[in-house]
């Protein structure tokens, strides 16, 4: 059901996007940067103030090194992530840079993906990040060991998120691989998107893997029934929805949000992004409903949405950086 809450989220998203585009249209060539920044405020239920956001983005540019990726488009998504997570984001920016430097010293490559991973670790608010950085590296290396041709620096943010989970790394990676294998046998295509889907499903440590895969396959079929194309890039979205109680999944409501975004002149050429946004808005709405999720699952879902947002930012940031490098 297309609820009033979903309608309000969609309206607020359009409003924030228009503010960003009106004020920054000559500074950003890829409108997906604005879409992501706007969505962060919606999914995290935070109010948007352009002056505050602009001031933070300018600070990031000013304080970043000459060759830092934060000098370019990614400063806007970084500003949004800091702004929605912290009451004093300016103070947290320098702490994020300190974590980034620790990660580089640890062996992570310099660049946009390591900045995003550092920001992910920052949200954990620990005074000593060394243990988490070490765990993130172990998880990343295990991902490479299992899928060397699929794993790249774009997986740094996901490794950082998984590092914040309690438990033994070997047990987590074994569960991830079991999910990957069974999904493959159930018709899902191998690749980076399937790897990401496996990571999402593995975060639900209480449910049987076979049941998780069965529910994901069911959600995939519901995509078809709702008129949403079952693209591999939507695998992570299917996994997010599969972790909801079955009776609370409403693909028709999501389809209504997608349709509304597709009809917007602002977004009509960004249909894949519109699907991602619609699912994120729907998920954030469900997380806020205490009658739908228990506390432990709600925490997991917040982590999963954060992982999906980090992956989306990483993908768009990487594409924008490559385009800028090519034009130069």
Protein backbone atom coordinates (compact mmCIF):
# COMPACT_ATOMS: atom_id res chain seq x y z
CA UNK A 1 0.00 0.00 0.00
CA UNK A 2 1.35 3.42 -1.01
CA UNK A 3 1.11 5.05 2.41
CA UNK A 4 1.07 8.71 3.34
CA UNK A 5 4.49 8.23 4.95
CA UNK A 6 5.96 6.95 1.68
CA UNK A 7 4.38 9.85 -0.18
CA UNK A 8 5.90 12.32 2.30
CA UNK A 9 9.33 10.71 1.96
CA UNK A 10 9.12 10.92 -1.83
CA UNK A 11 8.01 14.57 -1.74
CA UNK A 12 10.81 15.49 0.70
CA UNK A 13 13.36 13.68 -1.46
CA UNK A 14 12.29 15.64 -4.56
CA UNK A 15 12.44 18.90 -2.60
CA UNK A 16 15.97 18.29 -1.27
CA UNK A 17 17.17 17.21 -4.72
CA UNK A 18 15.80 20.41 -6.27
CA UNK A 19 17.57 22.53 -3.65
CA UNK A 20 20.86 20.78 -4.36
CA UNK A 21 20.49 21.01 -8.13
CA UNK A 22 19.47 24.67 -8.07
CA UNK A 23 22.40 25.72 -5.90
CA UNK A 24 25.13 23.36 -7.12
CA UNK A 25 24.29 22.58 -10.76
CA UNK A 26 27.54 24.07 -12.06
CA UNK A 27 29.66 22.11 -9.58
CA UNK A 28 28.40 18.58 -10.22
CA UNK A 29 28.03 16.94 -13.64
CA UNK A 30 26.53 13.65 -12.43
CA UNK A 31 23.05 14.24 -11.03
CA UNK A 32 23.17 10.89 -9.20
CA UNK A 33 25.42 12.62 -6.65
CA UNK A 34 22.48 14.88 -5.76
CA UNK A 35 20.10 11.91 -5.73
CA UNK A 36 22.28 10.01 -3.26
CA UNK A 37 22.86 13.03 -1.02
CA UNK A 38 19.12 13.78 -0.90
CA UNK A 39 18.24 10.15 -0.18
CA UNK A 40 20.59 10.02 2.81
CA UNK A 41 18.46 12.62 4.59
CA UNK A 42 15.25 10.74 3.79
CA UNK A 43 16.44 7.28 4.80
CA UNK A 44 17.98 8.60 8.02
CA UNK A 45 14.91 10.76 8.83
CA UNK A 46 16.98 13.94 9.12
CA UNK A 47 16.03 17.50 8.21
CA UNK A 48 17.98 19.18 5.44
CA UNK A 49 19.44 22.70 5.64
CA UNK A 50 21.29 23.75 2.49
CA UNK A 51 23.40 26.40 4.26
CA UNK A 52 24.63 23.88 6.83
CA UNK A 53 25.27 21.26 4.12
CA UNK A 54 27.12 23.73 1.87
CA UNK A 55 29.26 24.97 4.74
CA UNK A 56 30.28 21.40 5.55
CA UNK A 57 31.02 20.52 1.90
CA UNK A 58 33.20 23.64 1.57
CA UNK A 59 35.08 22.72 4.76
CA UNK A 60 35.77 19.23 3.39
CA UNK A 61 37.14 20.68 0.16
CA UNK A 62 39.27 23.23 1.99
CA UNK A 63 40.74 20.75 4.48
CA UNK A 64 41.45 17.97 1.95
CA UNK A 65 44.81 17.41 0.26
CA UNK A 66 45.48 18.71 -3.24
CA UNK A 67 45.07 15.31 -4.90
CA UNK A 68 42.35 13.98 -2.60
CA UNK A 69 39.12 12.69 -4.17
CA UNK A 70 37.31 14.78 -1.56
CA UNK A 71 38.21 17.86 -3.61
CA UNK A 72 35.71 16.68 -6.22
CA UNK A 73 32.12 15.37 -6.28
CA UNK A 74 32.51 12.96 -3.38
CA UNK A 75 32.72 15.85 -0.92
CA UNK A 76 28.98 16.29 -1.33
CA UNK A 77 28.05 12.68 -0.47
CA UNK A 78 30.61 12.75 2.36
CA UNK A 79 29.06 15.96 3.70
CA UNK A 80 25.60 14.37 3.61
CA UNK A 81 26.79 11.21 5.39
CA UNK A 82 28.46 13.25 8.14
CA UNK A 83 25.50 15.61 8.44
CA UNK A 84 22.89 12.87 8.94
CA UNK A 85 25.01 10.87 11.40
CA UNK A 86 26.45 13.49 13.75
CA UNK A 87 25.27 16.61 15.59
CA UNK A 88 28.71 18.23 15.10
CA UNK A 89 29.83 16.90 11.71
CA UNK A 90 32.67 19.42 11.29
CA UNK A 91 34.43 17.95 14.32
CA UNK A 92 33.90 14.40 13.05
CA UNK A 93 35.42 15.14 9.64
CA UNK A 94 38.95 15.39 11.04
CA UNK A 95 38.40 12.18 12.98
CA UNK A 96 37.37 10.51 9.72
CA UNK A 97 40.61 11.70 8.09
CA UNK A 98 42.60 10.23 10.99
CA UNK A 99 40.89 6.85 10.47
CA UNK A 100 41.58 7.10 6.74
CA UNK A 101 45.28 7.65 7.41
CA UNK A 102 45.34 4.64 9.74
CA UNK A 103 43.73 2.51 7.05
CA UNK A 104 46.27 3.62 4.44
CA UNK A 105 49.10 2.79 6.84
CA UNK A 106 47.47 -0.60 7.30
CA UNK A 107 47.56 -1.31 3.58
CA UNK A 108 44.25 -0.01 2.23
CA UNK A 109 44.68 1.90 -1.02
CA UNK A 110 44.23 5.65 -1.11
CA UNK A 111 41.02 6.88 -2.74
CA UNK A 112 37.28 7.39 -2.52
CA UNK A 113 36.46 3.86 -1.35
CA UNK A 114 38.80 4.08 1.63
CA UNK A 115 37.28 7.44 2.61
CA UNK A 116 33.81 5.84 2.59
CA UNK A 117 35.08 2.88 4.62
CA UNK A 118 36.65 5.28 7.14
CA UNK A 119 33.32 7.07 7.47
CA UNK A 120 31.58 3.74 8.02
CA UNK A 121 34.01 2.93 10.85
CA UNK A 122 33.53 6.42 12.28
CA UNK A 123 29.83 5.77 12.84
CA UNK A 124 30.78 3.05 15.32
CA UNK A 125 32.13 5.79 17.59
CA UNK A 126 34.99 3.83 19.13
CA UNK A 127 38.00 5.67 20.50
CA UNK A 128 40.42 3.02 19.22
CA UNK A 129 39.73 1.95 15.65
CA UNK A 130 42.79 -0.25 15.21
CA UNK A 131 40.96 -3.51 15.99
CA UNK A 132 38.11 -2.68 13.58
CA UNK A 133 40.53 -1.71 10.81
CA UNK A 134 42.38 -4.97 11.33
CA UNK A 135 39.13 -6.96 11.22
CA UNK A 136 38.01 -5.09 8.08
CA UNK A 137 41.28 -6.05 6.42
CA UNK A 138 40.88 -9.71 7.41
CA UNK A 139 37.33 -9.73 6.02
CA UNK A 140 38.42 -8.02 2.81
CA UNK A 141 41.27 -10.48 2.30
CA UNK A 142 38.89 -13.41 2.88
CA UNK A 143 36.55 -11.92 0.26
CA UNK A 144 39.48 -11.81 -2.18
CA UNK A 145 40.48 -15.38 -1.33
CA UNK A 146 37.00 -16.62 -2.21
CA UNK A 147 36.34 -14.37 -5.22
CA UNK A 148 39.58 -12.83 -6.42
CA UNK A 149 38.15 -11.54 -9.70
CA UNK A 150 35.03 -10.04 -8.11
CA UNK A 151 36.59 -8.30 -5.12
CA UNK A 152 38.07 -4.83 -5.52
CA UNK A 153 38.67 -1.66 -3.54
CA UNK A 154 34.96 -0.85 -4.03
CA UNK A 155 34.31 -3.59 -1.43
CA UNK A 156 36.20 -1.67 1.29
CA UNK A 157 33.01 -0.04 2.68
CA UNK A 158 31.24 -3.40 2.94
CA UNK A 159 34.24 -4.96 4.68
CA UNK A 160 34.24 -2.05 7.14
CA UNK A 161 30.55 -2.61 7.88
CA UNK A 162 30.99 -6.34 8.38
CA UNK A 163 33.92 -5.59 10.71
CA UNK A 164 31.51 -3.97 13.13
CA UNK A 165 29.66 -7.24 13.60
CA UNK A 166 30.52 -9.42 16.55
CA UNK A 167 31.59 -12.99 15.95
CA UNK A 168 34.41 -14.93 14.33
CA UNK A 169 35.38 -13.89 10.81
CA UNK A 170 35.76 -17.46 9.56
CA UNK A 171 32.19 -18.31 10.62
CA UNK A 172 30.82 -15.22 8.88
CA UNK A 173 32.70 -15.90 5.65
CA UNK A 174 31.58 -19.55 5.68
CA UNK A 175 27.97 -18.43 5.99
CA UNK A 176 28.45 -15.93 3.16
CA UNK A 177 29.88 -18.62 0.87
CA UNK A 178 27.05 -21.01 1.70
CA UNK A 179 24.56 -18.29 0.70
CA UNK A 180 26.46 -17.57 -2.52
CA UNK A 181 26.55 -21.23 -3.54
CA UNK A 182 22.88 -21.89 -2.82
CA UNK A 183 21.76 -18.69 -4.58
CA UNK A 184 23.76 -19.75 -7.64
CA UNK A 185 21.98 -23.11 -7.63
CA UNK A 186 18.64 -21.30 -7.46
CA UNK A 187 19.14 -19.34 -10.65
CA UNK A 188 20.88 -16.18 -9.46
CA UNK A 189 23.78 -15.12 -11.67
CA UNK A 190 27.30 -15.23 -10.29
CA UNK A 191 29.06 -11.91 -9.95
CA UNK A 192 29.70 -8.95 -7.69
CA UNK A 193 25.98 -8.30 -7.14
CA UNK A 194 25.45 -11.88 -6.01
CA UNK A 195 28.41 -11.56 -3.66
CA UNK A 196 26.85 -8.45 -2.14
CA UNK A 197 23.49 -10.24 -1.82
CA UNK A 198 25.24 -13.10 -0.01
CA UNK A 199 26.76 -10.65 2.47
CA UNK A 200 23.35 -9.13 3.18
CA UNK A 201 21.64 -12.46 3.80
CA UNK A 202 24.51 -13.68 5.99
CA UNK A 203 23.88 -10.81 8.40
CA UNK A 204 20.73 -12.61 9.56
CA UNK A 205 22.47 -15.12 11.79
CA UNK A 206 19.31 -16.70 13.20
CA UNK A 207 17.56 -17.82 10.01
CA UNK A 208 18.40 -20.97 8.07
CA UNK A 209 20.30 -20.21 4.87
CA UNK A 210 17.95 -22.34 2.76
CA UNK A 211 14.97 -20.35 4.03
CA UNK A 212 16.70 -17.02 3.33
CA UNK A 213 17.44 -18.10 -0.24
CA UNK A 214 13.86 -19.30 -0.69
CA UNK A 215 12.50 -15.95 0.48
CA UNK A 216 14.90 -14.07 -1.80
CA UNK A 217 13.74 -16.15 -4.77
CA UNK A 218 10.15 -15.31 -3.84
CA UNK A 219 10.95 -11.58 -3.73
CA UNK A 220 12.61 -11.90 -7.13
CA UNK A 221 9.39 -13.35 -8.56
CA UNK A 222 7.40 -10.54 -6.94
CA UNK A 223 9.60 -8.03 -8.81
CA UNK A 224 8.29 -9.52 -12.05
CA UNK A 225 4.70 -9.50 -10.83
CA UNK A 226 5.00 -5.82 -9.88
CA UNK A 227 6.47 -4.92 -13.27
CA UNK A 228 9.98 -4.26 -11.95
CA UNK A 229 12.77 -5.74 -14.07
CA UNK A 230 14.84 -8.38 -12.26
CA UNK A 231 18.28 -6.93 -13.01
CA UNK A 232 21.35 -8.32 -11.29
CA UNK A 233 22.10 -4.86 -9.89
CA UNK A 234 18.87 -5.21 -7.90
CA UNK A 235 20.00 -8.40 -6.12
CA UNK A 236 21.01 -6.49 -2.96
CA UNK A 237 17.54 -4.87 -2.88
CA UNK A 238 15.91 -8.29 -3.06
CA UNK A 239 18.03 -9.43 -0.13
CA UNK A 240 17.04 -6.43 1.96
CA UNK A 241 13.36 -7.09 1.33
CA UNK A 242 13.76 -10.83 1.97
CA UNK A 243 14.83 -10.09 5.55
CA UNK A 244 11.50 -8.41 6.28
CA UNK A 245 8.61 -10.48 7.64
CA UNK A 246 6.94 -11.99 4.58
CA UNK A 247 3.55 -10.39 5.23
CA UNK A 248 5.05 -6.88 5.31
CA UNK A 249 6.61 -7.00 1.82
CA UNK A 250 4.55 -4.91 -0.59
CA UNK A 251 6.13 -4.63 -4.04
CA UNK A 252 3.09 -2.76 -5.33
CA UNK A 253 3.80 0.08 -2.90
CA UNK A 254 7.42 0.16 -4.06
CA UNK A 255 6.26 0.11 -7.69
CA UNK A 256 4.05 3.13 -6.94
CA UNK A 257 7.06 5.10 -5.65
CA UNK A 258 9.10 4.05 -8.69
CA UNK A 259 6.31 5.16 -11.01
CA UNK A 260 6.06 8.52 -9.30
CA UNK A 261 9.82 9.09 -9.58
CA UNK A 262 9.90 7.95 -13.20
CA UNK A 263 7.24 10.53 -14.05
CA UNK A 264 9.35 13.32 -12.57
CA UNK A 265 11.19 15.24 -15.29
CA UNK A 266 14.16 15.39 -12.91
CA UNK A 267 14.54 11.60 -12.71
CA UNK A 268 13.06 10.12 -15.89
CA UNK A 269 16.52 9.17 -17.22
CA UNK A 270 17.55 7.52 -13.94
CA UNK A 271 15.15 4.58 -13.81
CA UNK A 272 17.56 2.13 -12.14
CA UNK A 273 18.40 4.67 -9.44
CA UNK A 274 14.68 5.26 -8.95
CA UNK A 275 14.21 1.57 -8.13
CA UNK A 276 17.05 1.72 -5.58
CA UNK A 277 15.62 4.86 -3.98
CA UNK A 278 12.11 3.44 -3.80
CA UNK A 279 13.27 0.31 -1.99
CA UNK A 280 15.41 2.35 0.40
CA UNK A 281 12.49 4.63 1.25
CA UNK A 282 10.25 1.61 1.79
CA UNK A 283 12.84 -0.11 4.01
CA UNK A 284 13.39 2.99 6.14
CA UNK A 285 9.62 3.21 6.60
CA UNK A 286 9.48 -0.41 7.79
CA UNK A 287 12.40 0.00 10.18
CA UNK A 288 10.57 2.86 11.88
CA UNK A 289 7.58 0.57 12.48
CA UNK A 290 8.23 -1.28 15.74
CA UNK A 291 5.31 -3.62 15.05
CA UNK A 292 7.11 -4.98 11.96
CA UNK A 293 10.64 -5.54 13.24
CA UNK A 294 12.08 -6.62 16.55
CA UNK A 295 14.97 -4.61 17.96
CA UNK A 296 17.79 -6.95 16.91
CA UNK A 297 16.53 -7.28 13.34
CA UNK A 298 15.97 -3.53 13.13
CA UNK A 299 19.64 -2.96 13.99
CA UNK A 300 20.69 -5.44 11.30
CA UNK A 301 18.45 -3.76 8.75
CA UNK A 302 19.94 -0.36 9.54
CA UNK A 303 23.38 -1.86 8.91
CA UNK A 304 22.19 -3.38 5.63
CA UNK A 305 20.70 -0.11 4.39
CA UNK A 306 23.94 1.63 5.33
CA UNK A 307 25.85 -1.02 3.37
CA UNK A 308 23.63 -0.52 0.34
CA UNK A 309 24.04 3.25 0.54
CA UNK A 310 27.82 2.90 0.86
CA UNK A 311 27.89 0.60 -2.18
CA UNK A 312 25.76 3.04 -4.16
CA UNK A 313 28.02 5.96 -3.21
CA UNK A 314 31.10 3.90 -4.06
CA UNK A 315 29.72 2.96 -7.49
CA UNK A 316 28.70 6.49 -8.44
CA UNK A 317 31.85 8.05 -6.98
CA UNK A 318 34.02 5.61 -8.88
CA UNK A 319 32.18 6.27 -12.15
CA UNK A 320 32.38 10.04 -11.68
CA UNK A 321 36.09 9.90 -10.88
CA UNK A 322 36.76 7.77 -13.97
CA UNK A 323 34.79 10.18 -16.16
CA UNK A 324 36.66 13.16 -14.75
CA UNK A 325 40.01 11.45 -15.32
CA UNK A 326 39.03 10.58 -18.91
CA UNK A 327 37.98 14.16 -19.69
CA UNK A 328 41.25 15.47 -18.29
